[in-house]
C-alpha cells in the first residue's frame, strides 16, 4: 500500500521539555533541582534542571539507568545531582 502519509506535524519540537535541538551547540551540564510525575504522558518523569533549561523528561531506558545508579525508583536521590546531557 502506498498511501501518501504526511507526518510533518510529528516532527515539531515539544516546547515543554528539553529536546535534541537544545543540545545542537553541544552538551549541557545542569543540576537536577526538582522532580515530579507528569500526568498521562509517555515520559511520566519530569526533572527540573538548573540554568534556565527546559525540564528533562528521560525516556524509559534512561529512567531505568537512573534508578540503577540511585539504587531506588524514587526521584528523591536524583535531586541535587548533576547530569551532562
PDB file of N, CA and C in Angstrom:
ATOM      1  N   UNK A   1       0.846  -1.175   0.000  1.00  0.00           N
ATOM      2  CA  UNK A   1       0.000   0.000   0.000  1.00  0.00           C
ATOM      3  C   UNK A   1       0.896   1.245   0.000  1.00  0.00           C
ATOM      4  N   UNK A   2       0.576   2.219  -0.799  1.00  0.00           N
ATOM      5  CA  UNK A   2       1.401   3.413  -0.907  1.00  0.00           C
ATOM      6  C   UNK A   2       0.604   4.678  -0.608  1.00  0.00           C
ATOM      7  N   UNK A   3      -0.115   4.676   0.504  1.00  0.00           N
ATOM      8  CA  UNK A   3      -0.839   5.886   0.900  1.00  0.00           C
ATOM      9  C   UNK A   3       0.150   7.013   1.147  1.00  0.00           C
ATOM     10  N   UNK A   4      -0.203   8.193   0.720  1.00  0.00           N
ATOM     11  CA  UNK A   4       0.642   9.354   0.962  1.00  0.00           C
ATOM     12  C   UNK A   4       0.389   9.850   2.378  1.00  0.00           C
ATOM     13  N   UNK A   5       1.320   9.590   3.264  1.00  0.00           N
ATOM     14  CA  UNK A   5       1.184   9.973   4.668  1.00  0.00           C
ATOM     15  C   UNK A   5       2.120  11.129   4.956  1.00  0.00           C
ATOM     16  N   UNK A   6       1.556  12.286   5.241  1.00  0.00           N
ATOM     17  CA  UNK A   6       2.364  13.457   5.579  1.00  0.00           C
ATOM     18  C   UNK A   6       2.525  13.496   7.099  1.00  0.00           C
ATOM     19  N   UNK A   7       3.733  13.259   7.578  1.00  0.00           N
ATOM     20  CA  UNK A   7       3.987  13.217   9.016  1.00  0.00           C
ATOM     21  C   UNK A   7       4.725  14.468   9.498  1.00  0.00           C
ATOM     22  N   UNK A   8       4.659  15.550   8.741  1.00  0.00           N
ATOM     23  CA  UNK A   8       5.359  16.788   9.103  1.00  0.00           C
ATOM     24  C   UNK A   8       4.981  17.266  10.497  1.00  0.00           C
ATOM     25  N   UNK A   9       3.716  17.130  10.870  1.00  0.00           N
ATOM     26  CA  UNK A   9       3.277  17.567  12.189  1.00  0.00           C
ATOM     27  C   UNK A   9       3.946  16.830  13.324  1.00  0.00           C
ATOM     28  N   UNK A  10       4.367  15.597  13.073  1.00  0.00           N
ATOM     29  CA  UNK A  10       5.013  14.801  14.118  1.00  0.00           C
ATOM     30  C   UNK A  10       6.477  15.198  14.332  1.00  0.00           C
ATOM     31  N   UNK A  11       7.007  16.054  13.478  1.00  0.00           N
ATOM     32  CA  UNK A  11       8.399  16.481  13.584  1.00  0.00           C
ATOM     33  C   UNK A  11       8.571  17.740  14.430  1.00  0.00           C
ATOM     34  N   UNK A  12       7.471  18.356  14.801  1.00  0.00           N
ATOM     35  CA  UNK A  12       7.540  19.592  15.574  1.00  0.00           C
ATOM     36  C   UNK A  12       8.128  19.327  16.959  1.00  0.00           C
ATOM     37  N   UNK A  13       8.911  20.262  17.447  1.00  0.00           N
ATOM     38  CA  UNK A  13       9.545  20.161  18.749  1.00  0.00           C
ATOM     39  C   UNK A  13       8.515  20.414  19.844  1.00  0.00           C
ATOM     40  N   UNK A  14       8.524  19.578  20.886  1.00  0.00           N
ATOM     41  CA  UNK A  14       7.670  19.836  22.041  1.00  0.00           C
ATOM     42  C   UNK A  14       8.346  20.919  22.868  1.00  0.00           C
ATOM     43  N   UNK A  15       7.692  22.040  23.012  1.00  0.00           N
ATOM     44  CA  UNK A  15       8.327  23.177  23.659  1.00  0.00           C
ATOM     45  C   UNK A  15       8.288  23.110  25.183  1.00  0.00           C
ATOM     46  N   UNK A  16       7.680  22.066  25.753  1.00  0.00           N
ATOM     47  CA  UNK A  16       7.585  21.974  27.212  1.00  0.00           C
ATOM     48  C   UNK A  16       8.684  21.109  27.827  1.00  0.00           C
ATOM     49  N   UNK A  17       9.665  20.713  27.006  1.00  0.00           N
ATOM     50  CA  UNK A  17      10.730  19.851  27.517  1.00  0.00           C
ATOM     51  C   UNK A  17      12.024  20.073  26.747  1.00  0.00           C
ATOM     52  N   UNK A  18      13.123  19.600  27.315  1.00  0.00           N
ATOM     53  CA  UNK A  18      14.428  19.656  26.669  1.00  0.00           C
ATOM     54  C   UNK A  18      14.402  18.751  25.441  1.00  0.00           C
ATOM     55  N   UNK A  19      14.932  19.223  24.337  1.00  0.00           N
ATOM     56  CA  UNK A  19      14.941  18.469  23.084  1.00  0.00           C
ATOM     57  C   UNK A  19      16.346  18.408  22.501  1.00  0.00           C
ATOM     58  N   UNK A  20      16.501  17.540  21.521  1.00  0.00           N
ATOM     59  CA  UNK A  20      17.795  17.419  20.845  1.00  0.00           C
ATOM     60  C   UNK A  20      18.225  18.760  20.255  1.00  0.00           C
ATOM     61  N   UNK A  21      17.280  19.555  19.788  1.00  0.00           N
ATOM     62  CA  UNK A  21      17.616  20.878  19.246  1.00  0.00           C
ATOM     63  C   UNK A  21      18.303  21.756  20.283  1.00  0.00           C
ATOM     64  N   UNK A  22      17.943  21.557  21.561  1.00  0.00           N
ATOM     65  CA  UNK A  22      18.559  22.338  22.634  1.00  0.00           C
ATOM     66  C   UNK A  22      20.021  21.957  22.859  1.00  0.00           C
ATOM     67  N   UNK A  23      20.425  20.818  22.305  1.00  0.00           N
ATOM     68  CA  UNK A  23      21.784  20.319  22.519  1.00  0.00           C
ATOM     69  C   UNK A  23      22.640  20.398  21.258  1.00  0.00           C
ATOM     70  N   UNK A  24      22.142  21.076  20.245  1.00  0.00           N
ATOM     71  CA  UNK A  24      22.892  21.186  18.984  1.00  0.00           C
ATOM     72  C   UNK A  24      24.247  21.851  19.163  1.00  0.00           C
ATOM     73  N   UNK A  25      24.322  22.817  20.043  1.00  0.00           N
ATOM     74  CA  UNK A  25      25.582  23.537  20.264  1.00  0.00           C
ATOM     75  C   UNK A  25      26.565  22.703  21.092  1.00  0.00           C
ATOM     76  N   UNK A  26      26.094  21.621  21.653  1.00  0.00           N
ATOM     77  CA  UNK A  26      26.940  20.764  22.469  1.00  0.00           C
ATOM     78  C   UNK A  26      26.219  20.352  23.735  1.00  0.00           C
ATOM     79  N   UNK A  27      26.841  19.494  24.518  1.00  0.00           N
ATOM     80  CA  UNK A  27      26.196  19.013  25.740  1.00  0.00           C
ATOM     81  C   UNK A  27      26.038  20.125  26.771  1.00  0.00           C
ATOM     82  N   UNK A  28      25.065  19.915  27.657  1.00  0.00           N
ATOM     83  CA  UNK A  28      24.877  20.830  28.778  1.00  0.00           C
ATOM     84  C   UNK A  28      25.074  20.049  30.074  1.00  0.00           C
ATOM     85  N   UNK A  29      25.568  20.722  31.082  1.00  0.00           N
ATOM     86  CA  UNK A  29      25.674  20.144  32.413  1.00  0.00           C
ATOM     87  C   UNK A  29      24.791  20.984  33.318  1.00  0.00           C
ATOM     88  N   UNK A  30      23.867  20.318  33.995  1.00  0.00           N
ATOM     89  CA  UNK A  30      22.916  21.038  34.848  1.00  0.00           C
ATOM     90  C   UNK A  30      22.633  20.206  36.095  1.00  0.00           C
ATOM     91  N   UNK A  31      22.189  20.898  37.121  1.00  0.00           N
ATOM     92  CA  UNK A  31      21.816  20.225  38.364  1.00  0.00           C
ATOM     93  C   UNK A  31      20.320  19.927  38.329  1.00  0.00           C
ATOM     94  N   UNK A  32      19.949  18.741  38.796  1.00  0.00           N
ATOM     95  CA  UNK A  32      18.536  18.395  38.923  1.00  0.00           C
ATOM     96  C   UNK A  32      18.032  19.098  40.178  1.00  0.00           C
ATOM     97  N   UNK A  33      17.085  20.010  39.995  1.00  0.00           N
ATOM     98  CA  UNK A  33      16.612  20.825  41.111  1.00  0.00           C
ATOM     99  C   UNK A  33      15.238  20.396  41.624  1.00  0.00           C
ATOM    100  N   UNK A  34      14.578  19.520  40.903  1.00  0.00           N
ATOM    101  CA  UNK A  34      13.267  19.050  41.331  1.00  0.00           C
ATOM    102  C   UNK A  34      12.793  17.923  40.441  1.00  0.00           C
ATOM    103  N   UNK A  35      11.800  17.205  40.912  1.00  0.00           N
ATOM    104  CA  UNK A  35      11.260  16.086  40.142  1.00  0.00           C
ATOM    105  C   UNK A  35       9.775  15.947  40.436  1.00  0.00           C
ATOM    106  N   UNK A  36       9.027  15.537  39.408  1.00  0.00           N
ATOM    107  CA  UNK A  36       7.612  15.246  39.612  1.00  0.00           C
ATOM    108  C   UNK A  36       7.145  14.266  38.547  1.00  0.00           C
ATOM    109  N   UNK A  37       5.989  13.695  38.783  1.00  0.00           N
ATOM    110  CA  UNK A  37       5.385  12.786  37.821  1.00  0.00           C
ATOM    111  C   UNK A  37       4.443  13.604  36.946  1.00  0.00           C
ATOM    112  N   UNK A  38       4.636  13.508  35.629  1.00  0.00           N
ATOM    113  CA  UNK A  38       3.773  14.212  34.683  1.00  0.00           C
ATOM    114  C   UNK A  38       2.502  13.391  34.466  1.00  0.00           C
ATOM    115  N   UNK A  39       1.415  14.049  34.201  1.00  0.00           N
ATOM    116  CA  UNK A  39       0.132  13.378  34.001  1.00  0.00           C
ATOM    117  C   UNK A  39       0.040  12.742  32.623  1.00  0.00           C
ATOM    118  N   UNK A  40      -0.392  11.497  32.581  1.00  0.00           N
ATOM    119  CA  UNK A  40      -0.718  10.786  31.331  1.00  0.00           C
ATOM    120  C   UNK A  40       0.222  11.118  30.180  1.00  0.00           C
ATOM    121  N   UNK A  41       1.477  10.858  30.362  1.00  0.00           N
ATOM    122  CA  UNK A  41       2.471  11.166  29.350  1.00  0.00           C
ATOM    123  C   UNK A  41       3.303   9.918  29.101  1.00  0.00           C
ATOM    124  N   UNK A  42       3.779   9.748  27.880  1.00  0.00           N
ATOM    125  CA  UNK A  42       4.636   8.607  27.564  1.00  0.00           C
ATOM    126  C   UNK A  42       5.940   8.682  28.342  1.00  0.00           C
ATOM    127  N   UNK A  43       6.315   9.878  28.749  1.00  0.00           N
ATOM    128  CA  UNK A  43       7.507  10.096  29.562  1.00  0.00           C
ATOM    129  C   UNK A  43       7.038  10.742  30.870  1.00  0.00           C
ATOM    130  N   UNK A  44       6.660   9.911  31.846  1.00  0.00           N
ATOM    131  CA  UNK A  44       5.973  10.419  33.035  1.00  0.00           C
ATOM    132  C   UNK A  44       6.843  11.134  34.067  1.00  0.00           C
ATOM    133  N   UNK A  45       8.151  11.034  33.962  1.00  0.00           N
ATOM    134  CA  UNK A  45       9.015  11.686  34.949  1.00  0.00           C
ATOM    135  C   UNK A  45       9.530  13.002  34.373  1.00  0.00           C
ATOM    136  N   UNK A  46       9.338  14.081  35.119  1.00  0.00           N
ATOM    137  CA  UNK A  46       9.781  15.399  34.697  1.00  0.00           C
ATOM    138  C   UNK A  46      10.820  15.874  35.700  1.00  0.00           C
ATOM    139  N   UNK A  47      12.040  16.108  35.229  1.00  0.00           N
ATOM    140  CA  UNK A  47      13.127  16.565  36.091  1.00  0.00           C
ATOM    141  C   UNK A  47      13.444  18.022  35.766  1.00  0.00           C
ATOM    142  N   UNK A  48      13.331  18.881  36.770  1.00  0.00           N
ATOM    143  CA  UNK A  48      13.650  20.298  36.600  1.00  0.00           C
ATOM    144  C   UNK A  48      15.165  20.452  36.649  1.00  0.00           C
ATOM    145  N   UNK A  49      15.689  21.292  35.754  1.00  0.00           N
ATOM    146  CA  UNK A  49      17.129  21.499  35.649  1.00  0.00           C
ATOM    147  C   UNK A  49      17.497  22.940  35.969  1.00  0.00           C
ATOM    148  N   UNK A  50      18.697  23.125  36.523  1.00  0.00           N
ATOM    149  CA  UNK A  50      19.215  24.467  36.803  1.00  0.00           C
ATOM    150  C   UNK A  50      19.624  25.143  35.499  1.00  0.00           C
ATOM    151  N   UNK A  51      19.929  26.417  35.594  1.00  0.00           N
ATOM    152  CA  UNK A  51      20.470  27.133  34.446  1.00  0.00           C
ATOM    153  C   UNK A  51      19.437  27.614  33.446  1.00  0.00           C
ATOM    154  N   UNK A  52      18.172  27.593  33.814  1.00  0.00           N
ATOM    155  CA  UNK A  52      17.136  28.074  32.907  1.00  0.00           C
ATOM    156  C   UNK A  52      16.782  27.116  31.785  1.00  0.00           C
ATOM    157  N   UNK A  53      17.215  25.870  31.888  1.00  0.00           N
ATOM    158  CA  UNK A  53      16.916  24.876  30.855  1.00  0.00           C
ATOM    159  C   UNK A  53      15.488  24.367  31.000  1.00  0.00           C
ATOM    160  N   UNK A  54      14.935  23.918  29.902  1.00  0.00           N
ATOM    161  CA  UNK A  54      13.621  23.292  29.927  1.00  0.00           C
ATOM    162  C   UNK A  54      13.724  22.006  30.742  1.00  0.00           C
ATOM    163  N   UNK A  55      12.609  21.525  31.301  1.00  0.00           N
ATOM    164  CA  UNK A  55      12.648  20.267  32.054  1.00  0.00           C
ATOM    165  C   UNK A  55      13.075  19.100  31.156  1.00  0.00           C
ATOM    166  N   UNK A  56      13.702  18.133  31.767  1.00  0.00           N
ATOM    167  CA  UNK A  56      14.148  16.929  31.077  1.00  0.00           C
ATOM    168  C   UNK A  56      13.166  15.821  31.406  1.00  0.00           C
ATOM    169  N   UNK A  57      12.626  15.176  30.367  1.00  0.00           N
ATOM    170  CA  UNK A  57      11.741  14.032  30.530  1.00  0.00           C
ATOM    171  C   UNK A  57      12.488  12.806  30.013  1.00  0.00           C
ATOM    172  N   UNK A  58      13.228  12.122  30.888  1.00  0.00           N
ATOM    173  CA  UNK A  58      14.021  10.983  30.427  1.00  0.00           C
ATOM    174  C   UNK A  58      13.152   9.850  29.909  1.00  0.00           C
ATOM    175  N   UNK A  59      13.628   9.184  28.866  1.00  0.00           N
ATOM    176  CA  UNK A  59      12.913   8.042  28.301  1.00  0.00           C
ATOM    177  C   UNK A  59      12.988   6.860  29.269  1.00  0.00           C
ATOM    178  N   UNK A  60      12.250   5.805  28.971  1.00  0.00           N
ATOM    179  CA  UNK A  60      12.189   4.647  29.863  1.00  0.00           C
ATOM    180  C   UNK A  60      13.570   4.046  30.120  1.00  0.00           C
ATOM    181  N   UNK A  61      14.372   3.903  29.076  1.00  0.00           N
ATOM    182  CA  UNK A  61      15.708   3.349  29.250  1.00  0.00           C
ATOM    183  C   UNK A  61      16.575   4.202  30.172  1.00  0.00           C
ATOM    184  N   UNK A  62      16.473   5.522  30.030  1.00  0.00           N
ATOM    185  CA  UNK A  62      17.248   6.417  30.887  1.00  0.00           C
ATOM    186  C   UNK A  62      16.709   6.376  32.318  1.00  0.00           C
ATOM    187  N   UNK A  63      15.385   6.269  32.480  1.00  0.00           N
ATOM    188  CA  UNK A  63      14.818   6.148  33.832  1.00  0.00           C
ATOM    189  C   UNK A  63      15.316   4.871  34.504  1.00  0.00           C
ATOM    190  N   UNK A  64      15.420   3.794  33.743  1.00  0.00           N
ATOM    191  CA  UNK A  64      15.954   2.532  34.298  1.00  0.00           C
ATOM    192  C   UNK A  64      17.405   2.719  34.736  1.00  0.00           C
ATOM    193  N   UNK A  65      18.185   3.407  33.925  1.00  0.00           N
ATOM    194  CA  UNK A  65      19.585   3.661  34.267  1.00  0.00           C
ATOM    195  C   UNK A  65      19.688   4.538  35.512  1.00  0.00           C
ATOM    196  N   UNK A  66      18.887   5.595  35.584  1.00  0.00           N
ATOM    197  CA  UNK A  66      18.900   6.474  36.754  1.00  0.00           C
ATOM    198  C   UNK A  66      18.505   5.705  38.017  1.00  0.00           C
ATOM    199  N   UNK A  67      17.508   4.810  37.903  1.00  0.00           N
ATOM    200  CA  UNK A  67      17.083   4.009  39.048  1.00  0.00           C
ATOM    201  C   UNK A  67      18.199   3.073  39.497  1.00  0.00           C
ATOM    202  N   UNK A  68      18.915   2.497  38.534  1.00  0.00           N
ATOM    203  CA  UNK A  68      20.023   1.588  38.867  1.00  0.00           C
ATOM    204  C   UNK A  68      21.153   2.353  39.557  1.00  0.00           C
ATOM    205  N   UNK A  69      21.482   3.518  39.036  1.00  0.00           N
ATOM    206  CA  UNK A  69      22.554   4.325  39.624  1.00  0.00           C
ATOM    207  C   UNK A  69      22.184   4.774  41.033  1.00  0.00           C
ATOM    208  N   UNK A  70      20.926   5.226  41.206  1.00  0.00           N
ATOM    209  CA  UNK A  70      20.477   5.732  42.505  1.00  0.00           C
ATOM    210  C   UNK A  70      20.175   4.608  43.482  1.00  0.00           C
ATOM    211  N   UNK A  71      19.959   3.393  42.970  1.00  0.00           N
ATOM    212  CA  UNK A  71      19.604   2.276  43.833  1.00  0.00           C
ATOM    213  C   UNK A  71      18.172   2.359  44.330  1.00  0.00           C
ATOM    214  N   UNK A  72      17.348   3.167  43.637  1.00  0.00           N
ATOM    215  CA  UNK A  72      15.948   3.330  44.045  1.00  0.00           C
ATOM    216  C   UNK A  72      15.145   3.884  42.881  1.00  0.00           C
ATOM    217  N   UNK A  73      13.857   3.640  42.921  1.00  0.00           N
ATOM    218  CA  UNK A  73      12.987   4.217  41.896  1.00  0.00           C
ATOM    219  C   UNK A  73      12.382   5.546  42.353  1.00  0.00           C
ATOM    220  N   UNK A  74      12.739   5.984  43.519  1.00  0.00           N
ATOM    221  CA  UNK A  74      12.309   7.298  43.997  1.00  0.00           C
ATOM    222  C   UNK A  74      13.183   8.365  43.345  1.00  0.00           C
ATOM    223  N   UNK A  75      12.582   9.487  43.013  1.00  0.00           N
ATOM    224  CA  UNK A  75      13.346  10.578  42.402  1.00  0.00           C
ATOM    225  C   UNK A  75      14.116  11.379  43.440  1.00  0.00           C
ATOM    226  N   UNK A  76      13.835  11.176  44.706  1.00  0.00           N
ATOM    227  CA  UNK A  76      14.474  11.962  45.763  1.00  0.00           C
ATOM    228  C   UNK A  76      16.011  11.923  45.682  1.00  0.00           C
ATOM    229  N   UNK A  77      16.647  10.747  45.459  1.00  0.00           N
ATOM    230  CA  UNK A  77      18.117  10.737  45.380  1.00  0.00           C
ATOM    231  C   UNK A  77      18.677  11.503  44.176  1.00  0.00           C
ATOM    232  N   UNK A  78      17.860  11.742  43.148  1.00  0.00           N
ATOM    233  CA  UNK A  78      18.343  12.436  41.959  1.00  0.00           C
ATOM    234  C   UNK A  78      18.470  13.934  42.187  1.00  0.00           C
ATOM    235  N   UNK A  79      17.581  14.488  43.021  1.00  0.00           N
ATOM    236  CA  UNK A  79      17.573  15.935  43.241  1.00  0.00           C
ATOM    237  C   UNK A  79      18.894  16.361  43.889  1.00  0.00           C
ATOM    238  N   UNK A  80      19.510  17.369  43.308  1.00  0.00           N
ATOM    239  CA  UNK A  80      20.811  17.855  43.783  1.00  0.00           C
ATOM    240  C   UNK A  80      21.981  17.280  42.997  1.00  0.00           C
ATOM    241  N   UNK A  81      21.738  16.212  42.225  1.00  0.00           N
ATOM    242  CA  UNK A  81      22.801  15.613  41.412  1.00  0.00           C
ATOM    243  C   UNK A  81      22.985  16.410  40.124  1.00  0.00           C
ATOM    244  N   UNK A  82      24.146  16.280  39.537  1.00  0.00           N
ATOM    245  CA  UNK A  82      24.465  16.942  38.278  1.00  0.00           C
ATOM    246  C   UNK A  82      24.433  15.933  37.149  1.00  0.00           C
ATOM    247  N   UNK A  83      23.945  16.344  35.992  1.00  0.00           N
ATOM    248  CA  UNK A  83      23.904  15.488  34.796  1.00  0.00           C
ATOM    249  C   UNK A  83      24.471  16.251  33.610  1.00  0.00           C
ATOM    250  N   UNK A  84      25.098  15.522  32.726  1.00  0.00           N
ATOM    251  CA  UNK A  84      25.531  16.087  31.463  1.00  0.00           C
ATOM    252  C   UNK A  84      24.707  15.415  30.374  1.00  0.00           C
ATOM    253  N   UNK A  85      24.011  16.219  29.613  1.00  0.00           N
ATOM    254  CA  UNK A  85      23.131  15.715  28.556  1.00  0.00           C
ATOM    255  C   UNK A  85      23.627  16.225  27.210  1.00  0.00           C
TER     256      UNK A  85
END
